[in-house]
ModelCIF file with pLDDT and N, C-alpha, C, O atoms, coordinates in Angstrom:
data_MODEL
#
_entry.id   MODEL 
#
_entity.id                         1 
_entity.type                       polymer 
_entity.pdbx_number_of_molecules   1 
#
_entity_poly.entity_id                      1 
_entity_poly.type                           'polypeptide(L)' 
_entity_poly.nstd_linkage                   no 
_entity_poly.nstd_monomer                   no 
_entity_poly.pdbx_seq_one_letter_code       
;(UNK)(UNK)(UNK)(UNK)(UNK)(UNK)(UNK)(UNK)(UNK)(UNK)(UNK)(UNK)(UNK)(UNK)(UNK)(UNK)
(UNK)(UNK)(UNK)(UNK)(UNK)(UNK)(UNK)(UNK)(UNK)(UNK)(UNK)(UNK)(UNK)(UNK)(UNK)(UNK)
(UNK)(UNK)(UNK)(UNK)(UNK)(UNK)(UNK)(UNK)(UNK)(UNK)(UNK)(UNK)(UNK)(UNK)(UNK)(UNK)
;
_entity_poly.pdbx_seq_one_letter_code_can   XXXXXXXXXXXXXXXXXXXXXXXXXXXXXXXXXXXXXXXXXXXXXXXX 
_entity_poly.pdbx_strand_id                 A 
#
loop_
_entity_poly_seq.entity_id 
_entity_poly_seq.num 
_entity_poly_seq.mon_id 
_entity_poly_seq.hetero 
1 1  UNK n 
1 2  UNK n 
1 3  UNK n 
1 4  UNK n 
1 5  UNK n 
1 6  UNK n 
1 7  UNK n 
1 8  UNK n 
1 9  UNK n 
1 10 UNK n 
1 11 UNK n 
1 12 UNK n 
1 13 UNK n 
1 14 UNK n 
1 15 UNK n 
1 16 UNK n 
1 17 UNK n 
1 18 UNK n 
1 19 UNK n 
1 20 UNK n 
1 21 UNK n 
1 22 UNK n 
1 23 UNK n 
1 24 UNK n 
1 25 UNK n 
1 26 UNK n 
1 27 UNK n 
1 28 UNK n 
1 29 UNK n 
1 30 UNK n 
1 31 UNK n 
1 32 UNK n 
1 33 UNK n 
1 34 UNK n 
1 35 UNK n 
1 36 UNK n 
1 37 UNK n 
1 38 UNK n 
1 39 UNK n 
1 40 UNK n 
1 41 UNK n 
1 42 UNK n 
1 43 UNK n 
1 44 UNK n 
1 45 UNK n 
1 46 UNK n 
1 47 UNK n 
1 48 UNK n 
#
_struct_asym.id          A 
_struct_asym.entity_id   1 
#
loop_
_ma_qa_metric.id 
_ma_qa_metric.mode 
_ma_qa_metric.name 
_ma_qa_metric.software_group_id 
_ma_qa_metric.type 
1 global pLDDT . pLDDT 
2 local  pLDDT . pLDDT 
#
_ma_qa_metric_global.metric_id      1 
_ma_qa_metric_global.metric_value   96.85 
_ma_qa_metric_global.model_id       1 
_ma_qa_metric_global.ordinal_id     1 
#
loop_
_ma_qa_metric_local.label_asym_id 
_ma_qa_metric_local.label_comp_id 
_ma_qa_metric_local.label_seq_id 
_ma_qa_metric_local.metric_id 
_ma_qa_metric_local.metric_value 
_ma_qa_metric_local.model_id 
_ma_qa_metric_local.ordinal_id 
A UNK 1  2 98.00 1 1  
A UNK 2  2 98.00 1 2  
A UNK 3  2 97.00 1 3  
A UNK 4  2 97.00 1 4  
A UNK 5  2 96.00 1 5  
A UNK 6  2 95.00 1 6  
A UNK 7  2 93.00 1 7  
A UNK 8  2 92.00 1 8  
A UNK 9  2 96.00 1 9  
A UNK 10 2 97.00 1 10 
A UNK 11 2 97.00 1 11 
A UNK 12 2 98.00 1 12 
A UNK 13 2 98.00 1 13 
A UNK 14 2 97.00 1 14 
A UNK 15 2 97.00 1 15 
A UNK 16 2 98.00 1 16 
A UNK 17 2 98.00 1 17 
A UNK 18 2 98.00 1 18 
A UNK 19 2 98.00 1 19 
A UNK 20 2 98.00 1 20 
A UNK 21 2 98.00 1 21 
A UNK 22 2 98.00 1 22 
A UNK 23 2 97.00 1 23 
A UNK 24 2 96.00 1 24 
A UNK 25 2 96.00 1 25 
A UNK 26 2 94.00 1 26 
A UNK 27 2 95.00 1 27 
A UNK 28 2 96.00 1 28 
A UNK 29 2 96.00 1 29 
A UNK 30 2 97.00 1 30 
A UNK 31 2 97.00 1 31 
A UNK 32 2 98.00 1 32 
A UNK 33 2 98.00 1 33 
A UNK 34 2 98.00 1 34 
A UNK 35 2 98.00 1 35 
A UNK 36 2 98.00 1 36 
A UNK 37 2 98.00 1 37 
A UNK 38 2 98.00 1 38 
A UNK 39 2 97.00 1 39 
A UNK 40 2 96.00 1 40 
A UNK 41 2 95.00 1 41 
A UNK 42 2 97.00 1 42 
A UNK 43 2 96.00 1 43 
A UNK 44 2 97.00 1 44 
A UNK 45 2 97.00 1 45 
A UNK 46 2 98.00 1 46 
A UNK 47 2 97.00 1 47 
A UNK 48 2 97.00 1 48 
#
loop_
_atom_site.group_PDB 
_atom_site.id 
_atom_site.type_symbol 
_atom_site.label_atom_id 
_atom_site.label_alt_id 
_atom_site.label_comp_id 
_atom_site.label_asym_id 
_atom_site.label_entity_id 
_atom_site.label_seq_id 
_atom_site.pdbx_PDB_ins_code 
_atom_site.Cartn_x 
_atom_site.Cartn_y 
_atom_site.Cartn_z 
_atom_site.occupancy 
_atom_site.B_iso_or_equiv 
_atom_site.pdbx_formal_charge 
_atom_site.auth_seq_id 
_atom_site.auth_comp_id 
_atom_site.auth_asym_id 
_atom_site.auth_atom_id 
_atom_site.pdbx_PDB_model_num 
ATOM 1   N N  . UNK A 1 1  ? -1.192 17.522 -2.417  1.00 98.00 ? 1  UNK A N  1 
ATOM 2   C CA . UNK A 1 1  ? -0.793 17.201 -3.779  1.00 98.00 ? 1  UNK A CA 1 
ATOM 3   C C  . UNK A 1 1  ? -1.019 15.730 -4.083  1.00 98.00 ? 1  UNK A C  1 
ATOM 4   O O  . UNK A 1 1  ? -1.651 15.380 -5.079  1.00 98.00 ? 1  UNK A O  1 
ATOM 5   N N  . UNK A 1 2  ? -0.502 14.882 -3.225  1.00 98.00 ? 2  UNK A N  1 
ATOM 6   C CA . UNK A 1 2  ? -0.585 13.448 -3.442  1.00 98.00 ? 2  UNK A CA 1 
ATOM 7   C C  . UNK A 1 2  ? -0.406 12.735 -2.118  1.00 98.00 ? 2  UNK A C  1 
ATOM 8   O O  . UNK A 1 2  ? 0.132  13.300 -1.166  1.00 98.00 ? 2  UNK A O  1 
ATOM 9   N N  . UNK A 1 3  ? -0.854 11.508 -2.061  1.00 97.00 ? 3  UNK A N  1 
ATOM 10  C CA . UNK A 1 3  ? -0.638 10.709 -0.862  1.00 97.00 ? 3  UNK A CA 1 
ATOM 11  C C  . UNK A 1 3  ? -0.580 9.242  -1.233  1.00 97.00 ? 3  UNK A C  1 
ATOM 12  O O  . UNK A 1 3  ? -1.084 8.823  -2.275  1.00 97.00 ? 3  UNK A O  1 
ATOM 13  N N  . UNK A 1 4  ? 0.037  8.479  -0.368  1.00 97.00 ? 4  UNK A N  1 
ATOM 14  C CA . UNK A 1 4  ? 0.142  7.045  -0.584  1.00 97.00 ? 4  UNK A CA 1 
ATOM 15  C C  . UNK A 1 4  ? 0.097  6.314  0.742   1.00 97.00 ? 4  UNK A C  1 
ATOM 16  O O  . UNK A 1 4  ? 0.558  6.819  1.765   1.00 97.00 ? 4  UNK A O  1 
ATOM 17  N N  . UNK A 1 5  ? -0.460 5.126  0.707   1.00 96.00 ? 5  UNK A N  1 
ATOM 18  C CA . UNK A 1 5  ? -0.430 4.229  1.848   1.00 96.00 ? 5  UNK A CA 1 
ATOM 19  C C  . UNK A 1 5  ? 0.750  3.280  1.687   1.00 96.00 ? 5  UNK A C  1 
ATOM 20  O O  . UNK A 1 5  ? 1.375  3.250  0.626   1.00 96.00 ? 5  UNK A O  1 
ATOM 21  N N  . UNK A 1 6  ? 1.066  2.505  2.723   1.00 95.00 ? 6  UNK A N  1 
ATOM 22  C CA . UNK A 1 6  ? 2.093  1.480  2.531   1.00 95.00 ? 6  UNK A CA 1 
ATOM 23  C C  . UNK A 1 6  ? 1.685  0.427  1.517   1.00 95.00 ? 6  UNK A C  1 
ATOM 24  O O  . UNK A 1 6  ? 2.530  -0.314 1.015   1.00 95.00 ? 6  UNK A O  1 
ATOM 25  N N  . UNK A 1 7  ? 0.412  0.354  1.216   1.00 93.00 ? 7  UNK A N  1 
ATOM 26  C CA . UNK A 1 7  ? -0.101 -0.592 0.248   1.00 93.00 ? 7  UNK A CA 1 
ATOM 27  C C  . UNK A 1 7  ? -0.194 -0.008 -1.139  1.00 93.00 ? 7  UNK A C  1 
ATOM 28  O O  . UNK A 1 7  ? 0.759  0.596  -1.632  1.00 93.00 ? 7  UNK A O  1 
ATOM 29  N N  . UNK A 1 8  ? -1.335 -0.184 -1.770  1.00 92.00 ? 8  UNK A N  1 
ATOM 30  C CA . UNK A 1 8  ? -1.480 0.152  -3.181  1.00 92.00 ? 8  UNK A CA 1 
ATOM 31  C C  . UNK A 1 8  ? -2.178 1.478  -3.430  1.00 92.00 ? 8  UNK A C  1 
ATOM 32  O O  . UNK A 1 8  ? -2.260 1.909  -4.580  1.00 92.00 ? 8  UNK A O  1 
ATOM 33  N N  . UNK A 1 9  ? -2.678 2.134  -2.408  1.00 96.00 ? 9  UNK A N  1 
ATOM 34  C CA . UNK A 1 9  ? -3.437 3.364  -2.598  1.00 96.00 ? 9  UNK A CA 1 
ATOM 35  C C  . UNK A 1 9  ? -2.514 4.510  -2.969  1.00 96.00 ? 9  UNK A C  1 
ATOM 36  O O  . UNK A 1 9  ? -1.522 4.778  -2.290  1.00 96.00 ? 9  UNK A O  1 
ATOM 37  N N  . UNK A 1 10 ? -2.860 5.181  -4.060  1.00 97.00 ? 10 UNK A N  1 
ATOM 38  C CA . UNK A 1 10 ? -2.159 6.377  -4.517  1.00 97.00 ? 10 UNK A CA 1 
ATOM 39  C C  . UNK A 1 10 ? -3.214 7.369  -4.959  1.00 97.00 ? 10 UNK A C  1 
ATOM 40  O O  . UNK A 1 10 ? -3.990 7.089  -5.872  1.00 97.00 ? 10 UNK A O  1 
ATOM 41  N N  . UNK A 1 11 ? -3.249 8.522  -4.320  1.00 97.00 ? 11 UNK A N  1 
ATOM 42  C CA . UNK A 1 11 ? -4.248 9.534  -4.631  1.00 97.00 ? 11 UNK A CA 1 
ATOM 43  C C  . UNK A 1 11 ? -3.588 10.845 -5.000  1.00 97.00 ? 11 UNK A C  1 
ATOM 44  O O  . UNK A 1 11 ? -2.477 11.144 -4.562  1.00 97.00 ? 11 UNK A O  1 
ATOM 45  N N  . UNK A 1 12 ? -4.295 11.632 -5.821  1.00 98.00 ? 12 UNK A N  1 
ATOM 46  C CA . UNK A 1 12 ? -3.748 12.875 -6.335  1.00 98.00 ? 12 UNK A CA 1 
ATOM 47  C C  . UNK A 1 12 ? -4.799 13.966 -6.326  1.00 98.00 ? 12 UNK A C  1 
ATOM 48  O O  . UNK A 1 12 ? -5.988 13.710 -6.514  1.00 98.00 ? 12 UNK A O  1 
ATOM 49  N N  . UNK A 1 13 ? -4.344 15.180 -6.106  1.00 98.00 ? 13 UNK A N  1 
ATOM 50  C CA . UNK A 1 13 ? -5.213 16.329 -6.279  1.00 98.00 ? 13 UNK A CA 1 
ATOM 51  C C  . UNK A 1 13 ? -5.569 16.466 -7.749  1.00 98.00 ? 13 UNK A C  1 
ATOM 52  O O  . UNK A 1 13 ? -4.779 16.108 -8.622  1.00 98.00 ? 13 UNK A O  1 
ATOM 53  N N  . UNK A 1 14 ? -6.763 16.987 -8.021  1.00 97.00 ? 14 UNK A N  1 
ATOM 54  C CA . UNK A 1 14 ? -7.193 17.148 -9.401  1.00 97.00 ? 14 UNK A CA 1 
ATOM 55  C C  . UNK A 1 14 ? -6.225 18.008 -10.209 1.00 97.00 ? 14 UNK A C  1 
ATOM 56  O O  . UNK A 1 14 ? -6.046 17.787 -11.407 1.00 97.00 ? 14 UNK A O  1 
ATOM 57  N N  . UNK A 1 15 ? -5.609 18.974 -9.563  1.00 97.00 ? 15 UNK A N  1 
ATOM 58  C CA . UNK A 1 15 ? -4.728 19.892 -10.260 1.00 97.00 ? 15 UNK A CA 1 
ATOM 59  C C  . UNK A 1 15 ? -3.458 19.235 -10.784 1.00 97.00 ? 15 UNK A C  1 
ATOM 60  O O  . UNK A 1 15 ? -2.806 19.774 -11.678 1.00 97.00 ? 15 UNK A O  1 
ATOM 61  N N  . UNK A 1 16 ? -3.103 18.079 -10.238 1.00 98.00 ? 16 UNK A N  1 
ATOM 62  C CA . UNK A 1 16 ? -1.871 17.416 -10.656 1.00 98.00 ? 16 UNK A CA 1 
ATOM 63  C C  . UNK A 1 16 ? -2.118 16.032 -11.228 1.00 98.00 ? 16 UNK A C  1 
ATOM 64  O O  . UNK A 1 16 ? -1.179 15.381 -11.686 1.00 98.00 ? 16 UNK A O  1 
ATOM 65  N N  . UNK A 1 17 ? -3.341 15.574 -11.213 1.00 98.00 ? 17 UNK A N  1 
ATOM 66  C CA . UNK A 1 17 ? -3.650 14.234 -11.686 1.00 98.00 ? 17 UNK A CA 1 
ATOM 67  C C  . UNK A 1 17 ? -3.231 14.069 -13.145 1.00 98.00 ? 17 UNK A C  1 
ATOM 68  O O  . UNK A 1 17 ? -3.545 14.902 -13.995 1.00 98.00 ? 17 UNK A O  1 
ATOM 69  N N  . UNK A 1 18 ? -2.531 12.999 -13.409 1.00 98.00 ? 18 UNK A N  1 
ATOM 70  C CA . UNK A 1 18 ? -2.032 12.740 -14.743 1.00 98.00 ? 18 UNK A CA 1 
ATOM 71  C C  . UNK A 1 18 ? -0.684 13.356 -15.024 1.00 98.00 ? 18 UNK A C  1 
ATOM 72  O O  . UNK A 1 18 ? -0.049 13.022 -16.024 1.00 98.00 ? 18 UNK A O  1 
ATOM 73  N N  . UNK A 1 19 ? -0.230 14.255 -14.157 1.00 98.00 ? 19 UNK A N  1 
ATOM 74  C CA . UNK A 1 19 ? 1.068  14.903 -14.331 1.00 98.00 ? 19 UNK A CA 1 
ATOM 75  C C  . UNK A 1 19 ? 2.065  14.500 -13.246 1.00 98.00 ? 19 UNK A C  1 
ATOM 76  O O  . UNK A 1 19 ? 3.252  14.327 -13.519 1.00 98.00 ? 19 UNK A O  1 
ATOM 77  N N  . UNK A 1 20 ? 1.581  14.354 -12.031 1.00 98.00 ? 20 UNK A N  1 
ATOM 78  C CA . UNK A 1 20 ? 2.432  14.012 -10.896 1.00 98.00 ? 20 UNK A CA 1 
ATOM 79  C C  . UNK A 1 20 ? 2.199  12.565 -10.505 1.00 98.00 ? 20 UNK A C  1 
ATOM 80  O O  . UNK A 1 20 ? 1.089  12.044 -10.621 1.00 98.00 ? 20 UNK A O  1 
ATOM 81  N N  . UNK A 1 21 ? 3.265  11.920 -10.037 1.00 98.00 ? 21 UNK A N  1 
ATOM 82  C CA . UNK A 1 21 ? 3.174  10.529 -9.632  1.00 98.00 ? 21 UNK A CA 1 
ATOM 83  C C  . UNK A 1 21 ? 3.999  10.308 -8.379  1.00 98.00 ? 21 UNK A C  1 
ATOM 84  O O  . UNK A 1 21 ? 5.161  10.709 -8.303  1.00 98.00 ? 21 UNK A O  1 
ATOM 85  N N  . UNK A 1 22 ? 3.383  9.662  -7.395  1.00 98.00 ? 22 UNK A N  1 
ATOM 86  C CA . UNK A 1 22 ? 4.062  9.364  -6.146  1.00 98.00 ? 22 UNK A CA 1 
ATOM 87  C C  . UNK A 1 22 ? 4.513  7.907  -6.167  1.00 98.00 ? 22 UNK A C  1 
ATOM 88  O O  . UNK A 1 22 ? 3.802  7.033  -6.663  1.00 98.00 ? 22 UNK A O  1 
ATOM 89  N N  . UNK A 1 23 ? 5.686  7.661  -5.631  1.00 97.00 ? 23 UNK A N  1 
ATOM 90  C CA . UNK A 1 23 ? 6.206  6.303  -5.578  1.00 97.00 ? 23 UNK A CA 1 
ATOM 91  C C  . UNK A 1 23 ? 7.069  6.137  -4.339  1.00 97.00 ? 23 UNK A C  1 
ATOM 92  O O  . UNK A 1 23 ? 7.485  7.111  -3.712  1.00 97.00 ? 23 UNK A O  1 
ATOM 93  N N  . UNK A 1 24 ? 7.327  4.889  -4.003  1.00 96.00 ? 24 UNK A N  1 
ATOM 94  C CA . UNK A 1 24 ? 8.134  4.575  -2.822  1.00 96.00 ? 24 UNK A CA 1 
ATOM 95  C C  . UNK A 1 24 ? 9.255  3.608  -3.170  1.00 96.00 ? 24 UNK A C  1 
ATOM 96  O O  . UNK A 1 24 ? 9.095  2.716  -4.003  1.00 96.00 ? 24 UNK A O  1 
ATOM 97  N N  . UNK A 1 25 ? 10.380 3.802  -2.521  1.00 96.00 ? 25 UNK A N  1 
ATOM 98  C CA . UNK A 1 25 ? 11.465 2.838  -2.540  1.00 96.00 ? 25 UNK A CA 1 
ATOM 99  C C  . UNK A 1 25 ? 11.718 2.495  -1.079  1.00 96.00 ? 25 UNK A C  1 
ATOM 100 O O  . UNK A 1 25 ? 12.462 3.192  -0.389  1.00 96.00 ? 25 UNK A O  1 
ATOM 101 N N  . UNK A 1 26 ? 11.104 1.433  -0.620  1.00 94.00 ? 26 UNK A N  1 
ATOM 102 C CA . UNK A 1 26 ? 11.198 1.077  0.792   1.00 94.00 ? 26 UNK A CA 1 
ATOM 103 C C  . UNK A 1 26 ? 12.620 0.725  1.212   1.00 94.00 ? 26 UNK A C  1 
ATOM 104 O O  . UNK A 1 26 ? 13.011 0.974  2.353   1.00 94.00 ? 26 UNK A O  1 
ATOM 105 N N  . UNK A 1 27 ? 13.385 0.155  0.311   1.00 95.00 ? 27 UNK A N  1 
ATOM 106 C CA . UNK A 1 27 ? 14.762 -0.200 0.628   1.00 95.00 ? 27 UNK A CA 1 
ATOM 107 C C  . UNK A 1 27 ? 15.593 1.033  0.944   1.00 95.00 ? 27 UNK A C  1 
ATOM 108 O O  . UNK A 1 27 ? 16.531 0.969  1.739   1.00 95.00 ? 27 UNK A O  1 
ATOM 109 N N  . UNK A 1 28 ? 15.250 2.150  0.324   1.00 96.00 ? 28 UNK A N  1 
ATOM 110 C CA . UNK A 1 28 ? 15.959 3.399  0.557   1.00 96.00 ? 28 UNK A CA 1 
ATOM 111 C C  . UNK A 1 28 ? 15.229 4.326  1.512   1.00 96.00 ? 28 UNK A C  1 
ATOM 112 O O  . UNK A 1 28 ? 15.691 5.436  1.779   1.00 96.00 ? 28 UNK A O  1 
ATOM 113 N N  . UNK A 1 29 ? 14.088 3.876  2.031   1.00 96.00 ? 29 UNK A N  1 
ATOM 114 C CA . UNK A 1 29 ? 13.253 4.719  2.890   1.00 96.00 ? 29 UNK A CA 1 
ATOM 115 C C  . UNK A 1 29 ? 12.988 6.076  2.245   1.00 96.00 ? 29 UNK A C  1 
ATOM 116 O O  . UNK A 1 29 ? 13.058 7.116  2.900   1.00 96.00 ? 29 UNK A O  1 
ATOM 117 N N  . UNK A 1 30 ? 12.685 6.045  0.962   1.00 97.00 ? 30 UNK A N  1 
ATOM 118 C CA . UNK A 1 30 ? 12.519 7.272  0.202   1.00 97.00 ? 30 UNK A CA 1 
ATOM 119 C C  . UNK A 1 30 ? 11.211 7.259  -0.565  1.00 97.00 ? 30 UNK A C  1 
ATOM 120 O O  . UNK A 1 30 ? 10.842 6.261  -1.184  1.00 97.00 ? 30 UNK A O  1 
ATOM 121 N N  . UNK A 1 31 ? 10.519 8.383  -0.514  1.00 97.00 ? 31 UNK A N  1 
ATOM 122 C CA . UNK A 1 31 ? 9.321  8.611  -1.302  1.00 97.00 ? 31 UNK A CA 1 
ATOM 123 C C  . UNK A 1 31 ? 9.653  9.638  -2.370  1.00 97.00 ? 31 UNK A C  1 
ATOM 124 O O  . UNK A 1 31 ? 10.339 10.625 -2.103  1.00 97.00 ? 31 UNK A O  1 
ATOM 125 N N  . UNK A 1 32 ? 9.168  9.405  -3.567  1.00 98.00 ? 32 UNK A N  1 
ATOM 126 C CA . UNK A 1 32 ? 9.419  10.309 -4.676  1.00 98.00 ? 32 UNK A CA 1 
ATOM 127 C C  . UNK A 1 32 ? 8.129  10.951 -5.147  1.00 98.00 ? 32 UNK A C  1 
ATOM 128 O O  . UNK A 1 32 ? 7.052  10.361 -5.059  1.00 98.00 ? 32 UNK A O  1 
ATOM 129 N N  . UNK A 1 33 ? 8.256  12.156 -5.641  1.00 98.00 ? 33 UNK A N  1 
ATOM 130 C CA . UNK A 1 33 ? 7.170  12.810 -6.351  1.00 98.00 ? 33 UNK A CA 1 
ATOM 131 C C  . UNK A 1 33 ? 7.700  13.199 -7.720  1.00 98.00 ? 33 UNK A C  1 
ATOM 132 O O  . UNK A 1 33 ? 8.464  14.155 -7.856  1.00 98.00 ? 33 UNK A O  1 
ATOM 133 N N  . UNK A 1 34 ? 7.288  12.453 -8.725  1.00 98.00 ? 34 UNK A N  1 
ATOM 134 C CA . UNK A 1 34 ? 7.662  12.763 -10.091 1.00 98.00 ? 34 UNK A CA 1 
ATOM 135 C C  . UNK A 1 34 ? 6.685  13.788 -10.631 1.00 98.00 ? 34 UNK A C  1 
ATOM 136 O O  . UNK A 1 34 ? 5.477  13.551 -10.650 1.00 98.00 ? 34 UNK A O  1 
ATOM 137 N N  . UNK A 1 35 ? 7.195  14.917 -11.067 1.00 98.00 ? 35 UNK A N  1 
ATOM 138 C CA . UNK A 1 35 ? 6.375  16.009 -11.551 1.00 98.00 ? 35 UNK A CA 1 
ATOM 139 C C  . UNK A 1 35 ? 6.680  16.237 -13.023 1.00 98.00 ? 35 UNK A C  1 
ATOM 140 O O  . UNK A 1 35 ? 7.815  16.537 -13.393 1.00 98.00 ? 35 UNK A O  1 
ATOM 141 N N  . UNK A 1 36 ? 5.672  16.094 -13.848 1.00 98.00 ? 36 UNK A N  1 
ATOM 142 C CA . UNK A 1 36 ? 5.807  16.269 -15.285 1.00 98.00 ? 36 UNK A CA 1 
ATOM 143 C C  . UNK A 1 36 ? 4.911  17.405 -15.760 1.00 98.00 ? 36 UNK A C  1 
ATOM 144 O O  . UNK A 1 36 ? 3.971  17.803 -15.073 1.00 98.00 ? 36 UNK A O  1 
ATOM 145 N N  . UNK A 1 37 ? 5.215  17.912 -16.935 1.00 98.00 ? 37 UNK A N  1 
ATOM 146 C CA . UNK A 1 37 ? 4.421  18.982 -17.541 1.00 98.00 ? 37 UNK A CA 1 
ATOM 147 C C  . UNK A 1 37 ? 4.183  20.115 -16.552 1.00 98.00 ? 37 UNK A C  1 
ATOM 148 O O  . UNK A 1 37 ? 3.052  20.558 -16.349 1.00 98.00 ? 37 UNK A O  1 
ATOM 149 N N  . UNK A 1 38 ? 5.251  20.567 -15.951 1.00 98.00 ? 38 UNK A N  1 
ATOM 150 C CA . UNK A 1 38 ? 5.143  21.566 -14.895 1.00 98.00 ? 38 UNK A CA 1 
ATOM 151 C C  . UNK A 1 38 ? 4.580  22.879 -15.419 1.00 98.00 ? 38 UNK A C  1 
ATOM 152 O O  . UNK A 1 38 ? 4.895  23.320 -16.524 1.00 98.00 ? 38 UNK A O  1 
ATOM 153 N N  . UNK A 1 39 ? 3.744  23.482 -14.601 1.00 97.00 ? 39 UNK A N  1 
ATOM 154 C CA . UNK A 1 39 ? 3.114  24.747 -14.905 1.00 97.00 ? 39 UNK A CA 1 
ATOM 155 C C  . UNK A 1 39 ? 3.599  25.806 -13.928 1.00 97.00 ? 39 UNK A C  1 
ATOM 156 O O  . UNK A 1 39 ? 4.154  25.488 -12.876 1.00 97.00 ? 39 UNK A O  1 
ATOM 157 N N  . UNK A 1 40 ? 3.385  27.060 -14.283 1.00 96.00 ? 40 UNK A N  1 
ATOM 158 C CA . UNK A 1 40 ? 3.797  28.142 -13.407 1.00 96.00 ? 40 UNK A CA 1 
ATOM 159 C C  . UNK A 1 40 ? 3.146  28.019 -12.038 1.00 96.00 ? 40 UNK A C  1 
ATOM 160 O O  . UNK A 1 40 ? 3.776  28.320 -11.024 1.00 96.00 ? 40 UNK A O  1 
ATOM 161 N N  . UNK A 1 41 ? 1.900  27.584 -11.998 1.00 95.00 ? 41 UNK A N  1 
ATOM 162 C CA . UNK A 1 41 ? 1.203  27.471 -10.728 1.00 95.00 ? 41 UNK A CA 1 
ATOM 163 C C  . UNK A 1 41 ? 1.718  26.336 -9.851  1.00 95.00 ? 41 UNK A C  1 
ATOM 164 O O  . UNK A 1 41 ? 1.306  26.217 -8.697  1.00 95.00 ? 41 UNK A O  1 
ATOM 165 N N  . UNK A 1 42 ? 2.601  25.507 -10.373 1.00 97.00 ? 42 UNK A N  1 
ATOM 166 C CA . UNK A 1 42 ? 3.231  24.471 -9.571  1.00 97.00 ? 42 UNK A CA 1 
ATOM 167 C C  . UNK A 1 42 ? 4.388  25.011 -8.742  1.00 97.00 ? 42 UNK A C  1 
ATOM 168 O O  . UNK A 1 42 ? 4.968  24.282 -7.937  1.00 97.00 ? 42 UNK A O  1 
ATOM 169 N N  . UNK A 1 43 ? 4.723  26.262 -8.929  1.00 96.00 ? 43 UNK A N  1 
ATOM 170 C CA . UNK A 1 43 ? 5.810  26.881 -8.188  1.00 96.00 ? 43 UNK A CA 1 
ATOM 171 C C  . UNK A 1 43 ? 5.396  27.051 -6.728  1.00 96.00 ? 43 UNK A C  1 
ATOM 172 O O  . UNK A 1 43 ? 4.511  27.846 -6.411  1.00 96.00 ? 43 UNK A O  1 
ATOM 173 N N  . UNK A 1 44 ? 6.039  26.305 -5.858  1.00 97.00 ? 44 UNK A N  1 
ATOM 174 C CA . UNK A 1 44 ? 5.710  26.327 -4.440  1.00 97.00 ? 44 UNK A CA 1 
ATOM 175 C C  . UNK A 1 44 ? 6.830  25.644 -3.668  1.00 97.00 ? 44 UNK A C  1 
ATOM 176 O O  . UNK A 1 44 ? 7.719  25.025 -4.251  1.00 97.00 ? 44 UNK A O  1 
ATOM 177 N N  . UNK A 1 45 ? 6.771  25.768 -2.347  1.00 97.00 ? 45 UNK A N  1 
ATOM 178 C CA . UNK A 1 45 ? 7.580  24.925 -1.491  1.00 97.00 ? 45 UNK A CA 1 
ATOM 179 C C  . UNK A 1 45 ? 6.828  23.619 -1.307  1.00 97.00 ? 45 UNK A C  1 
ATOM 180 O O  . UNK A 1 45 ? 5.653  23.615 -0.940  1.00 97.00 ? 45 UNK A O  1 
ATOM 181 N N  . UNK A 1 46 ? 7.502  22.522 -1.562  1.00 98.00 ? 46 UNK A N  1 
ATOM 182 C CA . UNK A 1 46 ? 6.890  21.210 -1.460  1.00 98.00 ? 46 UNK A CA 1 
ATOM 183 C C  . UNK A 1 46 ? 7.357  20.511 -0.194  1.00 98.00 ? 46 UNK A C  1 
ATOM 184 O O  . UNK A 1 46 ? 8.543  20.513 0.136   1.00 98.00 ? 46 UNK A O  1 
ATOM 185 N N  . UNK A 1 47 ? 6.407  19.916 0.505   1.00 97.00 ? 47 UNK A N  1 
ATOM 186 C CA . UNK A 1 47 ? 6.670  19.225 1.751   1.00 97.00 ? 47 UNK A CA 1 
ATOM 187 C C  . UNK A 1 47 ? 6.196  17.784 1.670   1.00 97.00 ? 47 UNK A C  1 
ATOM 188 O O  . UNK A 1 47 ? 5.180  17.488 1.041   1.00 97.00 ? 47 UNK A O  1 
ATOM 189 N N  . UNK A 1 48 ? 6.930  16.900 2.303   1.00 97.00 ? 48 UNK A N  1 
ATOM 190 C CA . UNK A 1 48 ? 6.405  15.568 2.526   1.00 97.00 ? 48 UNK A CA 1 
ATOM 191 C C  . UNK A 1 48 ? 6.053  15.431 3.998   1.00 97.00 ? 48 UNK A C  1 
ATOM 192 O O  . UNK A 1 48 ? 5.586  14.375 4.426   1.00 97.00 ? 48 UNK A O  1 
#
């Protein structure tokens, strides 16, 4: 779906590009996946 490096690289699958956004909060050791404009085909188990 998406991936990120510790630096500035953020990549997305074509199916979610422009709708999903990956981000990091290093202070919280947490990665987020913001999903917008959700479609039926987005229904899945999501893993990091």
